[in-house]
Amino acid sequence: MRARIHALIWGLALALLASATARAAGVDEYAGLQDEIRDLRSRLEAKRADKV
């Protein structure tokens, strides 16, 4: 349970960092970063499913 919370917090932190970076970089790069965030989230969910 603690590992899941830790992973969720890190995922959220990375998403916020990517979002802030995207806003600073401009709209064109924002879409690419959103794709990366989705990819990271799907990887995290896959890892969670493997552990359960």
PDB file of N, CA and C in Angstrom:
ATOM      1  N   MET A   1       0.825  -1.191   0.000  1.00  0.00           N
ATOM      2  CA  MET A   1       0.000   0.000   0.000  1.00  0.00           C
ATOM      3  C   MET A   1       0.872   1.258   0.000  1.00  0.00           C
ATOM      4  N   ARG A   2       1.908   1.266   0.813  1.00  0.00           N
ATOM      5  CA  ARG A   2       2.793   2.424   0.896  1.00  0.00           C
ATOM      6  C   ARG A   2       3.487   2.670  -0.441  1.00  0.00           C
ATOM      7  N   ALA A   3       3.867   1.588  -1.138  1.00  0.00           N
ATOM      8  CA  ALA A   3       4.529   1.727  -2.440  1.00  0.00           C
ATOM      9  C   ALA A   3       3.581   2.326  -3.476  1.00  0.00           C
ATOM     10  N   ARG A   4       2.316   1.953  -3.413  1.00  0.00           N
ATOM     11  CA  ARG A   4       1.335   2.507  -4.349  1.00  0.00           C
ATOM     12  C   ARG A   4       1.158   3.998  -4.135  1.00  0.00           C
ATOM     13  N   ILE A   5       1.069   4.394  -2.890  1.00  0.00           N
ATOM     14  CA  ILE A   5       0.918   5.820  -2.574  1.00  0.00           C
ATOM     15  C   ILE A   5       2.155   6.584  -3.041  1.00  0.00           C
ATOM     16  N   HIS A   6       3.320   6.007  -2.794  1.00  0.00           N
ATOM     17  CA  HIS A   6       4.572   6.633  -3.213  1.00  0.00           C
ATOM     18  C   HIS A   6       4.601   6.796  -4.735  1.00  0.00           C
ATOM     19  N   ALA A   7       4.228   5.754  -5.458  1.00  0.00           N
ATOM     20  CA  ALA A   7       4.210   5.805  -6.922  1.00  0.00           C
ATOM     21  C   ALA A   7       3.197   6.826  -7.422  1.00  0.00           C
ATOM     22  N   LEU A   8       2.054   6.889  -6.771  1.00  0.00           N
ATOM     23  CA  LEU A   8       1.029   7.854  -7.160  1.00  0.00           C
ATOM     24  C   LEU A   8       1.512   9.282  -6.956  1.00  0.00           C
ATOM     25  N   ILE A   9       2.164   9.530  -5.831  1.00  0.00           N
ATOM     26  CA  ILE A   9       2.690  10.869  -5.555  1.00  0.00           C
ATOM     27  C   ILE A   9       3.748  11.252  -6.583  1.00  0.00           C
ATOM     28  N   TRP A  10       4.652  10.313  -6.904  1.00  0.00           N
ATOM     29  CA  TRP A  10       5.683  10.603  -7.908  1.00  0.00           C
ATOM     30  C   TRP A  10       5.055  10.843  -9.277  1.00  0.00           C
ATOM     31  N   GLY A  11       4.055  10.057  -9.628  1.00  0.00           N
ATOM     32  CA  GLY A  11       3.370  10.250 -10.901  1.00  0.00           C
ATOM     33  C   GLY A  11       2.723  11.618 -10.991  1.00  0.00           C
ATOM     34  N   LEU A  12       2.087  12.015  -9.917  1.00  0.00           N
ATOM     35  CA  LEU A  12       1.445  13.330  -9.880  1.00  0.00           C
ATOM     36  C   LEU A  12       2.483  14.441  -9.967  1.00  0.00           C
ATOM     37  N   ALA A  13       3.588  14.284  -9.245  1.00  0.00           N
ATOM     38  CA  ALA A  13       4.650  15.295  -9.287  1.00  0.00           C
ATOM     39  C   ALA A  13       5.223  15.428 -10.695  1.00  0.00           C
ATOM     40  N   LEU A  14       5.441  14.299 -11.358  1.00  0.00           N
ATOM     41  CA  LEU A  14       5.953  14.348 -12.730  1.00  0.00           C
ATOM     42  C   LEU A  14       4.948  14.992 -13.674  1.00  0.00           C
ATOM     43  N   ALA A  15       3.691  14.695 -13.488  1.00  0.00           N
ATOM     44  CA  ALA A  15       2.653  15.290 -14.331  1.00  0.00           C
ATOM     45  C   ALA A  15       2.600  16.808 -14.136  1.00  0.00           C
ATOM     46  N   LEU A  16       2.682  17.245 -12.894  1.00  0.00           N
ATOM     47  CA  LEU A  16       2.668  18.690 -12.633  1.00  0.00           C
ATOM     48  C   LEU A  16       3.901  19.375 -13.199  1.00  0.00           C
ATOM     49  N   LEU A  17       5.043  18.732 -13.055  1.00  0.00           N
ATOM     50  CA  LEU A  17       6.276  19.287 -13.604  1.00  0.00           C
ATOM     51  C   LEU A  17       6.197  19.376 -15.126  1.00  0.00           C
ATOM     52  N   ALA A  18       5.708  18.334 -15.757  1.00  0.00           N
ATOM     53  CA  ALA A  18       5.575  18.338 -17.215  1.00  0.00           C
ATOM     54  C   ALA A  18       4.582  19.405 -17.660  1.00  0.00           C
ATOM     55  N   SER A  19       3.514  19.562 -16.922  1.00  0.00           N
ATOM     56  CA  SER A  19       2.509  20.564 -17.261  1.00  0.00           C
ATOM     57  C   SER A  19       3.081  21.980 -17.149  1.00  0.00           C
ATOM     58  N   ALA A  20       3.799  22.240 -16.075  1.00  0.00           N
ATOM     59  CA  ALA A  20       4.407  23.564 -15.888  1.00  0.00           C
ATOM     60  C   ALA A  20       5.463  23.829 -16.954  1.00  0.00           C
ATOM     61  N   THR A  21       6.240  22.819 -17.264  1.00  0.00           N
ATOM     62  CA  THR A  21       7.268  22.958 -18.302  1.00  0.00           C
ATOM     63  C   THR A  21       6.615  23.227 -19.655  1.00  0.00           C
ATOM     64  N   ALA A  22       5.515  22.539 -19.905  1.00  0.00           N
ATOM     65  CA  ALA A  22       4.816  22.708 -21.174  1.00  0.00           C
ATOM     66  C   ALA A  22       4.276  24.128 -21.329  1.00  0.00           C
ATOM     67  N   ARG A  23       3.727  24.639 -20.262  1.00  0.00           N
ATOM     68  CA  ARG A  23       3.204  26.006 -20.332  1.00  0.00           C
ATOM     69  C   ARG A  23       4.319  26.998 -20.619  1.00  0.00           C
ATOM     70  N   ALA A  24       5.475  26.756 -20.039  1.00  0.00           N
ATOM     71  CA  ALA A  24       6.615  27.644 -20.263  1.00  0.00           C
ATOM     72  C   ALA A  24       7.174  27.473 -21.673  1.00  0.00           C
ATOM     73  N   ALA A  25       7.123  26.243 -22.212  1.00  0.00           N
ATOM     74  CA  ALA A  25       7.698  25.946 -23.521  1.00  0.00           C
ATOM     75  C   ALA A  25       6.782  26.386 -24.665  1.00  0.00           C
ATOM     76  N   GLY A  26       5.501  26.369 -24.437  1.00  0.00           N
ATOM     77  CA  GLY A  26       4.569  26.750 -25.487  1.00  0.00           C
ATOM     78  C   GLY A  26       3.609  25.626 -25.807  1.00  0.00           C
ATOM     79  N   VAL A  27       2.616  25.965 -26.595  1.00  0.00           N
ATOM     80  CA  VAL A  27       1.527  25.037 -26.884  1.00  0.00           C
ATOM     81  C   VAL A  27       1.978  23.845 -27.718  1.00  0.00           C
ATOM     82  N   ASP A  28       2.885  24.023 -28.671  1.00  0.00           N
ATOM     83  CA  ASP A  28       3.303  22.931 -29.544  1.00  0.00           C
ATOM     84  C   ASP A  28       3.929  21.778 -28.766  1.00  0.00           C
ATOM     85  N   GLU A  29       4.758  22.099 -27.811  1.00  0.00           N
ATOM     86  CA  GLU A  29       5.406  21.061 -27.024  1.00  0.00           C
ATOM     87  C   GLU A  29       4.468  20.495 -25.962  1.00  0.00           C
ATOM     88  N   TYR A  30       3.440  21.241 -25.619  1.00  0.00           N
ATOM     89  CA  TYR A  30       2.510  20.809 -24.583  1.00  0.00           C
ATOM     90  C   TYR A  30       1.819  19.506 -24.967  1.00  0.00           C
ATOM     91  N   ALA A  31       1.405  19.387 -26.214  1.00  0.00           N
ATOM     92  CA  ALA A  31       0.723  18.178 -26.666  1.00  0.00           C
ATOM     93  C   ALA A  31       1.638  16.963 -26.551  1.00  0.00           C
ATOM     94  N   GLY A  32       2.893  17.129 -26.894  1.00  0.00           N
ATOM     95  CA  GLY A  32       3.851  16.031 -26.788  1.00  0.00           C
ATOM     96  C   GLY A  32       4.069  15.612 -25.350  1.00  0.00           C
ATOM     97  N   LEU A  33       4.126  16.567 -24.451  1.00  0.00           N
ATOM     98  CA  LEU A  33       4.309  16.247 -23.041  1.00  0.00           C
ATOM     99  C   LEU A  33       3.069  15.565 -22.470  1.00  0.00           C
ATOM    100  N   GLN A  34       1.903  15.952 -22.936  1.00  0.00           N
ATOM    101  CA  GLN A  34       0.682  15.291 -22.484  1.00  0.00           C
ATOM    102  C   GLN A  34       0.704  13.816 -22.894  1.00  0.00           C
ATOM    103  N   ASP A  35       1.209  13.534 -24.089  1.00  0.00           N
ATOM    104  CA  ASP A  35       1.345  12.141 -24.529  1.00  0.00           C
ATOM    105  C   ASP A  35       2.310  11.379 -23.630  1.00  0.00           C
ATOM    106  N   GLU A  36       3.398  12.013 -23.256  1.00  0.00           N
ATOM    107  CA  GLU A  36       4.370  11.374 -22.361  1.00  0.00           C
ATOM    108  C   GLU A  36       3.757  11.105 -20.993  1.00  0.00           C
ATOM    109  N   ILE A  37       2.956  12.035 -20.506  1.00  0.00           N
ATOM    110  CA  ILE A  37       2.292  11.851 -19.219  1.00  0.00           C
ATOM    111  C   ILE A  37       1.346  10.654 -19.291  1.00  0.00           C
ATOM    112  N   ARG A  38       0.568  10.562 -20.368  1.00  0.00           N
ATOM    113  CA  ARG A  38      -0.335   9.425 -20.536  1.00  0.00           C
ATOM    114  C   ARG A  38       0.440   8.118 -20.582  1.00  0.00           C
ATOM    115  N   ASP A  39       1.581   8.134 -21.268  1.00  0.00           N
ATOM    116  CA  ASP A  39       2.416   6.937 -21.352  1.00  0.00           C
ATOM    117  C   ASP A  39       2.942   6.539 -19.977  1.00  0.00           C
ATOM    118  N   LEU A  40       3.414   7.512 -19.214  1.00  0.00           N
ATOM    119  CA  LEU A  40       3.906   7.232 -17.860  1.00  0.00           C
ATOM    120  C   LEU A  40       2.800   6.684 -16.966  1.00  0.00           C
ATOM    121  N   ARG A  41       1.609   7.255 -17.088  1.00  0.00           N
ATOM    122  CA  ARG A  41       0.487   6.774 -16.280  1.00  0.00           C
ATOM    123  C   ARG A  41       0.116   5.344 -16.650  1.00  0.00           C
ATOM    124  N   SER A  42       0.098   5.053 -17.946  1.00  0.00           N
ATOM    125  CA  SER A  42      -0.252   3.687 -18.362  1.00  0.00           C
ATOM    126  C   SER A  42       0.811   2.689 -17.903  1.00  0.00           C
ATOM    127  N   ARG A  43       2.080   3.081 -17.943  1.00  0.00           N
ATOM    128  CA  ARG A  43       3.146   2.198 -17.431  1.00  0.00           C
ATOM    129  C   ARG A  43       2.979   1.951 -15.947  1.00  0.00           C
ATOM    130  N   LEU A  44       2.653   3.009 -15.199  1.00  0.00           N
ATOM    131  CA  LEU A  44       2.462   2.891 -13.761  1.00  0.00           C
ATOM    132  C   LEU A  44       1.287   1.964 -13.452  1.00  0.00           C
ATOM    133  N   GLU A  45       0.193   2.127 -14.184  1.00  0.00           N
ATOM    134  CA  GLU A  45      -0.965   1.260 -13.979  1.00  0.00           C
ATOM    135  C   GLU A  45      -0.633  -0.190 -14.323  1.00  0.00           C
ATOM    136  N   ALA A  46       0.161  -0.413 -15.356  1.00  0.00           N
ATOM    137  CA  ALA A  46       0.561  -1.767 -15.726  1.00  0.00           C
ATOM    138  C   ALA A  46       1.420  -2.389 -14.630  1.00  0.00           C
ATOM    139  N   LYS A  47       2.312  -1.609 -14.055  1.00  0.00           N
ATOM    140  CA  LYS A  47       3.148  -2.116 -12.964  1.00  0.00           C
ATOM    141  C   LYS A  47       2.300  -2.457 -11.751  1.00  0.00           C
ATOM    142  N   ARG A  48       1.315  -1.619 -11.468  1.00  0.00           N
ATOM    143  CA  ARG A  48       0.408  -1.895 -10.346  1.00  0.00           C
ATOM    144  C   ARG A  48      -0.354  -3.190 -10.589  1.00  0.00           C
ATOM    145  N   ALA A  49      -0.827  -3.393 -11.804  1.00  0.00           N
ATOM    146  CA  ALA A  49      -1.585  -4.600 -12.135  1.00  0.00           C
ATOM    147  C   ALA A  49      -0.708  -5.844 -12.015  1.00  0.00           C
ATOM    148  N   ASP A  50       0.560  -5.728 -12.368  1.00  0.00           N
ATOM    149  CA  ASP A  50       1.474  -6.863 -12.262  1.00  0.00           C
ATOM    150  C   ASP A  50       1.729  -7.244 -10.813  1.00  0.00           C
ATOM    151  N   LYS A  51       1.740  -6.260  -9.923  1.00  0.00           N
ATOM    152  CA  LYS A  51       2.022  -6.514  -8.508  1.00  0.00           C
ATOM    153  C   LYS A  51       0.836  -7.130  -7.783  1.00  0.00           C
ATOM    154  N   VAL A  52      -0.357  -6.870  -8.282  1.00  0.00           N
ATOM    155  CA  VAL A  52      -1.573  -7.363  -7.601  1.00  0.00           C
ATOM    156  C   VAL A  52      -1.842  -8.781  -7.926  1.00  0.00           C
TER     157      VAL A  52
END
